[in-house]
Amino acid sequence: MAGEFLYIDCFSGVAGDMFVGALLDLAVGSRELLEQELAKIDIEGWSIAVDKVKVQGIHASRFIVGIRDEDQGPRSLASIESLIADSGLSEKVKSSCLAIFSRVARAEAEAHGESLETVHFHEIGMVDSIIDIVCACILIDQLAPSEIMASPVTTGSGTVETRHGAMPVPAPATAVLLRNIPIQHGIEKCELSTPTGAALVSYFAGSFGPLPPTKLRRIGYGAGAHKTTRGPNVLRLMTGELTGEPAGEAAVAGPGEKVEQQLLLETNIDDSSPEELGYLTARLLDAGAADAWMAPVTMKKGRPGAVLSVLCGEEELETFLDLIFTESSTFGIRAQTVERHCLSRRSQAVDTLYGGIRVKIGSWRGKTVSISPEFEDCRRAAAEHRVPLKEVYAAARAAAAGLL
């Protein structure tokens, strides 16, 4: 299966145990392999099992983590990072685990108004959640898909009980983790997508949307914990070979070329501080703008100013008009429809001296023309191995040279 396209179908949500169960159901790895790898981490009092179950008529695998000591206590990001970094796991698996825990830490800190130094994990810090994340990273490394794509994520609705009390669904940290990702509530009054599941799908999936034209090879189902009323609570994974460009809003102009219809919003500003303009640009990107940037310009009366430019979808016009008018001093915004020509892109992990690094691969008319290492992976590897960032970038580009 190595090198195949992987599609994550989150029609009934995603949780850590569902993710691992579905990978095992695809015949990726085994319980014995996971036990051998987990033994390389300095944690005790756990066991794992895999049950074959039937969920509303669908055969699925349920991944079960047993914990002998229920009073595990909260954990800090630093303690979890030390646990992973000091383990005997492969550097590639370590890199993925550290990246996912970092994502969760940032989401928890933002959701609860804390810093990375003070935030302590409760649900995510429990041994079962650590095992879910580590096992998912091990199995994805075993599968080694050429590209990973996911459907919109169904979150469920209502409220969920946490150590912070009753929280809306999706829980605050889950909502942060799923920012800029297409989601939907669905009709079930329960938490279908957990922080662990959201962290896994947001990290591994390079893009989101409907299943593109694919020649399917294997299908796996991971059973969830909920008894849902409309449809089975399972996560479905599908592997296969892509047979064409994805259908959707983007028109295909040629092999490896996509043309998107987008809005270009622009406004000239000469009476805002650099701090305010920098904050606004960050807010626009966080809100899902395809791109946002500033360019210096000389305005009336010789005043230095800036042109703010934003690319977004037509359906997002009101969102970005509200944001720009609220966060800036402008009195008017220009809008025009533009064509955005894009490379066809995919994400692939490459092995380096500093562990696994994901690279973005861009194709133009059937030919790979661009390879760009992921900054966060390079930053993390540089910090972990105490080497200059440029050395990690060079190593990733060298490892990916054969993809050109």
Protein backbone atom coordinates (compact mmCIF):
# COMPACT_ATOMS: atom_id res chain seq x y z
CA MET A 1 0.00 0.00 0.00
CA ALA A 2 2.97 2.32 0.37
CA GLY A 3 2.76 5.35 -1.86
CA GLU A 4 -1.02 5.18 -2.28
CA PHE A 5 -3.47 8.05 -1.89
CA LEU A 6 -5.26 8.05 1.50
CA TYR A 7 -8.70 9.58 2.03
CA ILE A 8 -10.02 10.19 5.56
CA ASP A 9 -13.83 10.15 5.53
CA CYS A 10 -15.00 11.94 8.70
CA PHE A 11 -18.74 11.63 7.97
CA SER A 12 -19.31 10.58 11.60
CA GLY A 13 -16.48 12.50 13.22
CA VAL A 14 -12.94 11.53 14.15
CA ALA A 15 -11.33 10.46 17.42
CA GLY A 16 -7.94 9.02 18.26
CA ASP A 17 -9.17 5.47 18.82
CA MET A 18 -11.24 5.60 15.60
CA PHE A 19 -8.17 6.76 13.64
CA VAL A 20 -5.98 3.93 14.93
CA GLY A 21 -8.75 1.36 14.55
CA ALA A 22 -9.37 2.32 10.93
CA LEU A 23 -5.66 2.05 10.07
CA LEU A 24 -5.50 -1.40 11.65
CA ASP A 25 -8.66 -2.34 9.74
CA LEU A 26 -6.78 -1.41 6.55
CA ALA A 27 -4.26 -4.11 7.53
CA VAL A 28 -1.60 -1.49 8.29
CA GLY A 29 0.71 -2.74 11.03
CA SER A 30 -0.63 -4.91 13.85
CA ARG A 31 -1.35 -4.91 17.56
CA GLU A 32 1.95 -6.72 18.13
CA LEU A 33 3.88 -4.03 16.25
CA LEU A 34 2.21 -1.29 18.27
CA GLU A 35 3.01 -3.06 21.55
CA GLN A 36 6.66 -3.37 20.54
CA GLU A 37 6.87 0.33 19.65
CA LEU A 38 4.95 1.54 22.71
CA ALA A 39 7.37 -0.38 24.92
CA LYS A 40 10.03 2.12 23.78
CA ILE A 41 8.25 4.91 25.72
CA ASP A 42 8.68 5.33 29.46
CA ILE A 43 5.03 4.92 30.43
CA GLU A 44 3.50 2.12 32.45
CA GLY A 45 0.15 0.71 33.36
CA TRP A 46 -1.33 0.33 29.89
CA SER A 47 -2.56 -2.39 27.56
CA ILE A 48 -4.03 -2.34 24.06
CA ALA A 49 -6.52 -4.58 22.30
CA VAL A 50 -8.25 -4.68 18.93
CA ASP A 51 -11.78 -6.04 18.64
CA LYS A 52 -13.65 -6.82 15.45
CA VAL A 53 -17.15 -5.38 15.85
CA LYS A 54 -20.23 -4.70 13.76
CA VAL A 55 -21.56 -1.12 13.89
CA GLN A 56 -25.01 -0.81 12.33
CA GLY A 57 -24.16 -3.51 9.83
CA ILE A 58 -20.59 -2.40 9.08
CA HIS A 59 -17.65 -4.57 10.12
CA ALA A 60 -15.09 -2.35 11.87
CA SER A 61 -12.10 -2.49 14.21
CA ARG A 62 -12.32 -1.01 17.69
CA PHE A 63 -9.01 0.07 19.22
CA ILE A 64 -9.09 -0.20 23.02
CA VAL A 65 -6.56 1.23 25.45
CA GLY A 66 -6.64 -0.19 28.97
CA ILE A 67 -5.24 1.89 31.85
CA ARG A 68 -4.50 0.21 35.18
CA ASP A 69 -3.86 3.48 37.06
CA GLU A 70 -6.77 5.82 36.39
CA ASP A 71 -5.30 8.72 38.41
CA GLN A 72 -2.73 9.83 35.87
CA GLY A 73 -2.93 13.56 36.63
CA PRO A 74 -2.45 16.47 34.22
CA ARG A 75 0.73 16.77 32.14
CA SER A 76 2.56 19.80 30.76
CA LEU A 77 3.67 20.10 27.15
CA ALA A 78 7.30 19.96 28.31
CA SER A 79 6.76 16.65 30.14
CA ILE A 80 5.09 15.08 27.11
CA GLU A 81 7.81 16.37 24.78
CA SER A 82 10.47 14.85 27.05
CA LEU A 83 8.57 11.57 27.14
CA ILE A 84 8.53 11.38 23.34
CA ALA A 85 12.02 12.80 22.71
CA ASP A 86 13.63 10.36 25.18
CA SER A 87 11.83 7.33 23.73
CA GLY A 88 13.26 4.76 21.34
CA LEU A 89 10.76 5.62 18.59
CA SER A 90 12.07 6.44 15.13
CA GLU A 91 12.97 10.07 14.48
CA LYS A 92 10.19 10.34 11.90
CA VAL A 93 7.55 9.11 14.34
CA LYS A 94 8.94 11.35 17.09
CA SER A 95 8.71 14.37 14.79
CA SER A 96 5.05 13.69 13.98
CA CYS A 97 4.14 13.06 17.63
CA LEU A 98 5.84 16.26 18.79
CA ALA A 99 4.14 18.26 16.04
CA ILE A 100 0.71 16.96 17.00
CA PHE A 101 1.17 17.59 20.72
CA SER A 102 2.43 21.09 19.94
CA ARG A 103 -0.76 21.73 17.94
CA VAL A 104 -2.92 20.56 20.81
CA ALA A 105 -0.97 22.64 23.33
CA ARG A 106 -1.43 25.80 21.27
CA ALA A 107 -5.13 25.08 20.84
CA GLU A 108 -5.64 24.43 24.57
CA ALA A 109 -3.68 27.57 25.47
CA GLU A 110 -5.70 29.73 23.08
CA ALA A 111 -9.03 28.21 24.09
CA HIS A 112 -8.45 28.66 27.82
CA GLY A 113 -6.40 31.86 27.84
CA GLU A 114 -3.12 30.31 28.99
CA SER A 115 0.47 30.23 27.75
CA LEU A 116 2.34 27.21 26.40
CA GLU A 117 4.34 27.17 29.63
CA THR A 118 1.32 27.12 31.93
CA VAL A 119 -1.19 25.02 29.99
CA HIS A 120 -1.60 21.49 31.34
CA PHE A 121 -3.36 18.76 29.43
CA HIS A 122 -6.10 16.77 31.05
CA GLU A 123 -7.88 14.63 28.48
CA ILE A 124 -5.01 14.96 25.99
CA GLY A 125 -2.39 14.24 28.66
CA MET A 126 -3.92 10.99 29.77
CA VAL A 127 -2.03 7.86 28.85
CA ASP A 128 -4.77 6.63 26.51
CA SER A 129 -4.61 9.82 24.44
CA ILE A 130 -0.81 9.66 24.29
CA ILE A 131 -1.07 6.06 23.09
CA ASP A 132 -3.68 7.00 20.46
CA ILE A 133 -1.44 9.71 19.01
CA VAL A 134 1.74 7.65 19.08
CA CYS A 135 0.00 4.64 17.50
CA ALA A 136 -1.53 6.79 14.77
CA CYS A 137 1.90 8.22 13.91
CA ILE A 138 3.46 4.74 13.86
CA LEU A 139 0.80 3.38 11.51
CA ILE A 140 0.85 6.37 9.16
CA ASP A 141 4.61 5.91 8.95
CA GLN A 142 4.01 2.24 8.07
CA LEU A 143 1.43 3.13 5.42
CA ALA A 144 3.58 5.95 3.94
CA PRO A 145 0.83 7.37 1.70
CA SER A 146 1.82 9.61 -1.20
CA GLU A 147 -0.94 12.09 -0.34
CA ILE A 148 -3.57 12.44 2.37
CA MET A 149 -6.91 14.19 1.91
CA ALA A 150 -9.92 14.41 4.24
CA SER A 151 -13.62 15.11 3.96
CA PRO A 152 -15.29 17.95 5.87
CA VAL A 153 -15.25 17.00 9.55
CA THR A 154 -18.54 16.27 11.30
CA THR A 155 -18.30 17.53 14.87
CA GLY A 156 -21.65 16.64 16.42
CA SER A 157 -23.61 19.20 18.45
CA GLY A 158 -24.91 19.97 21.93
CA THR A 159 -22.53 19.93 24.88
CA VAL A 160 -19.85 17.63 26.29
CA GLU A 161 -18.71 17.19 29.89
CA THR A 162 -15.00 17.93 30.45
CA ARG A 163 -12.78 18.67 33.44
CA HIS A 164 -13.54 22.34 32.76
CA GLY A 165 -17.27 21.64 33.02
CA ALA A 166 -19.90 21.45 30.27
CA MET A 167 -18.55 22.75 26.96
CA PRO A 168 -20.23 23.36 23.59
CA VAL A 169 -19.57 20.91 20.75
CA PRO A 170 -17.12 21.20 19.15
CA ALA A 171 -15.18 21.78 22.38
CA PRO A 172 -13.16 25.03 22.37
CA ALA A 173 -9.78 23.36 21.73
CA THR A 174 -11.31 21.16 19.02
CA ALA A 175 -12.75 24.23 17.31
CA VAL A 176 -9.32 25.90 17.30
CA LEU A 177 -7.70 22.77 15.86
CA LEU A 178 -10.31 22.67 13.08
CA ARG A 179 -9.95 26.34 12.16
CA ASN A 180 -9.66 26.88 8.38
CA ILE A 181 -10.95 23.32 7.85
CA PRO A 182 -14.46 22.64 6.51
CA ILE A 183 -16.68 21.31 9.31
CA GLN A 184 -20.36 20.57 9.88
CA HIS A 185 -22.42 19.91 13.00
CA GLY A 186 -24.44 16.97 11.75
CA ILE A 187 -27.60 15.88 13.54
CA GLU A 188 -26.14 13.87 16.43
CA LYS A 189 -26.32 15.50 19.91
CA CYS A 190 -22.89 14.33 21.07
CA GLU A 191 -19.18 14.98 20.58
CA LEU A 192 -18.25 13.12 17.41
CA SER A 193 -14.84 14.80 16.93
CA THR A 194 -12.44 14.99 19.86
CA PRO A 195 -9.34 17.18 20.30
CA THR A 196 -7.12 14.16 19.62
CA GLY A 197 -9.00 13.30 16.44
CA ALA A 198 -9.01 16.92 15.29
CA ALA A 199 -5.26 17.19 15.90
CA LEU A 200 -4.57 14.03 13.89
CA VAL A 201 -6.68 14.93 10.87
CA SER A 202 -5.53 18.57 10.79
CA TYR A 203 -1.88 17.46 10.91
CA PHE A 204 -1.92 14.59 8.44
CA ALA A 205 -4.43 15.83 5.83
CA GLY A 206 -2.85 18.06 3.21
CA SER A 207 -6.22 19.14 1.78
CA PHE A 208 -9.95 18.82 2.44
CA GLY A 209 -12.91 18.23 0.15
CA PRO A 210 -14.94 15.51 -1.59
CA LEU A 211 -13.23 12.30 -2.66
CA PRO A 212 -11.48 12.96 -6.00
CA PRO A 213 -11.65 10.43 -8.86
CA THR A 214 -9.86 7.44 -7.37
CA LYS A 215 -9.37 3.76 -8.12
CA LEU A 216 -10.00 2.34 -4.65
CA ARG A 217 -7.80 -0.44 -3.32
CA ARG A 218 -8.65 -0.91 0.36
CA ILE A 219 -11.23 0.37 2.84
CA GLY A 220 -10.98 0.32 6.62
CA TYR A 221 -13.40 1.29 9.39
CA GLY A 222 -12.54 2.41 12.92
CA ALA A 223 -15.36 2.09 15.44
CA GLY A 224 -16.26 5.03 17.68
CA ALA A 225 -17.69 5.01 21.19
CA HIS A 226 -21.09 6.60 20.48
CA LYS A 227 -24.39 4.90 19.73
CA THR A 228 -25.59 7.27 17.04
CA THR A 229 -29.17 7.43 15.80
CA ARG A 230 -28.54 8.29 12.14
CA GLY A 231 -25.79 6.23 10.58
CA PRO A 232 -22.87 4.30 12.10
CA ASN A 233 -20.29 6.00 14.35
CA VAL A 234 -17.22 4.93 12.39
CA LEU A 235 -14.29 6.62 10.69
CA ARG A 236 -13.69 5.36 7.16
CA LEU A 237 -10.26 5.31 5.52
CA MET A 238 -9.83 4.57 1.82
CA THR A 239 -6.63 4.03 -0.13
CA GLY A 240 -6.14 3.89 -3.85
CA GLU A 241 -4.74 5.52 -6.95
CA LEU A 242 -5.79 8.98 -8.06
CA THR A 243 -7.16 8.86 -11.59
CA GLY A 244 -7.74 12.57 -12.30
CA GLU A 245 -8.03 16.05 -10.85
CA PRO A 246 -10.57 16.53 -8.03
CA ALA A 247 -13.97 17.83 -8.98
CA GLY A 248 -15.01 21.05 -7.27
CA GLU A 249 -15.09 24.80 -7.63
CA ALA A 250 -11.69 24.99 -9.29
CA ALA A 251 -11.74 24.49 -13.06
CA VAL A 252 -8.89 22.44 -14.50
CA ALA A 253 -7.12 24.39 -17.23
CA GLY A 254 -4.56 21.72 -18.02
CA PRO A 255 -2.68 18.84 -16.41
CA GLY A 256 -1.40 20.08 -13.07
CA GLU A 257 -3.00 23.53 -13.42
CA LYS A 258 -6.06 24.81 -11.55
CA VAL A 259 -7.89 28.07 -12.05
CA GLU A 260 -9.90 29.46 -9.14
CA GLN A 261 -12.30 32.38 -9.23
CA GLN A 262 -11.51 34.54 -6.21
CA LEU A 263 -12.13 38.04 -4.91
CA LEU A 264 -9.29 40.53 -4.52
CA LEU A 265 -10.07 43.07 -1.79
CA GLU A 266 -7.84 46.14 -1.56
CA THR A 267 -7.71 49.32 0.48
CA ASN A 268 -5.16 52.12 1.04
CA ILE A 269 -4.35 52.97 4.67
CA ASP A 270 -2.18 55.86 5.89
CA ASP A 271 -3.26 56.39 9.50
CA SER A 272 -2.75 53.02 11.21
CA SER A 273 0.32 51.94 13.17
CA PRO A 274 2.60 49.09 11.98
CA GLU A 275 1.46 47.04 14.98
CA GLU A 276 -2.20 47.45 13.99
CA LEU A 277 -1.51 46.56 10.36
CA GLY A 278 0.49 43.47 11.34
CA TYR A 279 -2.27 42.36 13.69
CA LEU A 280 -4.90 42.85 10.96
CA THR A 281 -2.94 40.78 8.44
CA ALA A 282 -2.63 37.94 10.95
CA ARG A 283 -6.36 38.11 11.72
CA LEU A 284 -7.21 37.89 8.02
CA LEU A 285 -5.05 34.80 7.53
CA ASP A 286 -6.45 33.17 10.68
CA ALA A 287 -9.96 33.81 9.35
CA GLY A 288 -9.18 31.74 6.26
CA ALA A 289 -8.01 34.22 3.62
CA ALA A 290 -6.23 32.50 0.74
CA ASP A 291 -3.59 35.21 1.11
CA ALA A 292 -3.18 38.63 2.72
CA TRP A 293 -0.32 41.11 2.35
CA MET A 294 0.80 44.72 2.70
CA ALA A 295 2.72 46.85 0.18
CA PRO A 296 4.14 50.34 0.87
CA VAL A 297 2.71 53.27 -1.12
CA THR A 298 2.96 57.06 -1.11
CA MET A 299 -0.47 58.63 -0.64
CA LYS A 300 -1.89 62.15 -0.83
CA LYS A 301 0.11 64.96 0.75
CA GLY A 302 3.19 62.74 0.52
CA ARG A 303 2.10 60.52 3.38
CA PRO A 304 3.63 57.03 3.59
CA GLY A 305 0.93 54.39 3.64
CA ALA A 306 0.20 50.77 2.82
CA VAL A 307 -2.04 48.90 0.40
CA LEU A 308 -3.78 45.99 2.13
CA SER A 309 -4.65 43.16 -0.28
CA VAL A 310 -6.73 40.08 0.53
CA LEU A 311 -7.64 37.04 -1.58
CA CYS A 312 -10.80 35.19 -0.58
CA GLY A 313 -13.76 33.26 -1.94
CA GLU A 314 -16.86 35.14 -3.07
CA GLU A 315 -18.92 33.51 -0.31
CA GLU A 316 -16.51 35.00 2.25
CA LEU A 317 -16.92 38.63 1.14
CA GLU A 318 -19.05 39.76 4.09
CA THR A 319 -16.73 38.09 6.60
CA PHE A 320 -13.66 39.92 5.35
CA LEU A 321 -15.43 43.25 4.82
CA ASP A 322 -16.54 43.12 8.46
CA LEU A 323 -13.04 42.24 9.63
CA ILE A 324 -11.24 44.96 7.64
CA PHE A 325 -13.73 47.71 8.56
CA THR A 326 -13.65 46.68 12.22
CA GLU A 327 -9.89 46.31 12.61
CA SER A 328 -8.63 49.16 10.39
CA SER A 329 -9.22 52.88 9.84
CA THR A 330 -10.24 52.57 6.18
CA PHE A 331 -13.43 54.14 4.83
CA GLY A 332 -13.59 52.10 1.62
CA ILE A 333 -12.61 48.74 0.16
CA ARG A 334 -12.24 47.89 -3.53
CA ALA A 335 -13.36 44.43 -4.70
CA GLN A 336 -12.79 42.70 -8.01
CA THR A 337 -13.02 39.12 -9.29
CA VAL A 338 -9.70 37.61 -10.34
CA GLU A 339 -8.46 34.29 -11.67
CA ARG A 340 -5.94 32.48 -9.50
CA HIS A 341 -3.82 29.95 -11.38
CA CYS A 342 -2.46 27.30 -9.02
CA LEU A 343 -0.05 24.42 -9.14
CA SER A 344 -1.51 21.02 -8.41
CA ARG A 345 -0.07 20.18 -5.00
CA ARG A 346 0.43 17.28 -2.64
CA SER A 347 2.31 16.67 0.59
CA GLN A 348 4.87 13.93 1.17
CA ALA A 349 7.20 13.12 4.05
CA VAL A 350 10.91 12.57 3.34
CA ASP A 351 13.53 11.02 5.65
CA THR A 352 16.46 13.19 6.72
CA LEU A 353 19.22 13.08 9.33
CA TYR A 354 16.87 15.13 11.50
CA GLY A 355 13.83 12.88 11.16
CA GLY A 356 10.83 12.99 8.87
CA ILE A 357 10.11 16.33 7.19
CA ARG A 358 7.00 17.01 5.13
CA VAL A 359 7.48 18.77 1.80
CA LYS A 360 4.90 20.42 -0.45
CA ILE A 361 5.23 19.25 -4.05
CA GLY A 362 3.84 21.46 -6.81
CA SER A 363 3.15 20.20 -10.34
CA TRP A 364 2.65 22.25 -13.50
CA ARG A 365 1.23 20.56 -16.60
CA GLY A 366 2.24 17.13 -15.45
CA LYS A 367 5.74 18.05 -14.26
CA THR A 368 6.98 18.61 -10.71
CA VAL A 369 8.34 22.15 -10.62
CA SER A 370 8.43 23.10 -6.94
CA ILE A 371 9.37 21.40 -3.68
CA SER A 372 9.05 23.34 -0.44
CA PRO A 373 9.80 21.91 3.03
CA GLU A 374 7.19 22.61 5.72
CA PHE A 375 8.51 25.35 8.01
CA GLU A 376 7.01 23.96 11.24
CA ASP A 377 8.61 20.54 10.68
CA CYS A 378 11.98 22.18 9.94
CA ARG A 379 11.72 24.54 12.92
CA ARG A 380 10.91 21.68 15.27
CA ALA A 381 13.73 19.48 13.94
CA ALA A 382 16.22 22.37 14.18
CA ALA A 383 15.28 22.99 17.81
CA GLU A 384 15.32 19.29 18.72
CA HIS A 385 18.74 18.63 17.15
CA ARG A 386 20.20 22.07 17.99
CA VAL A 387 21.27 22.82 14.42
CA PRO A 388 20.65 25.89 12.22
CA LEU A 389 17.28 26.00 10.51
CA LYS A 390 18.95 26.35 7.10
CA GLU A 391 20.70 23.00 7.60
CA VAL A 392 17.36 21.24 8.10
CA TYR A 393 15.93 22.99 5.03
CA ALA A 394 18.95 21.88 2.98
CA ALA A 395 18.62 18.30 4.21
CA ALA A 396 14.91 18.21 3.35
CA ARG A 397 15.49 19.64 -0.12
CA ALA A 398 18.29 17.14 -0.75
CA ALA A 399 16.11 14.23 0.38
CA ALA A 400 13.30 15.42 -1.89
CA ALA A 401 15.53 16.06 -4.92
CA GLY A 402 14.59 12.73 -6.44
CA LEU A 403 10.95 13.79 -6.60
CA LEU A 404 11.68 16.43 -9.27
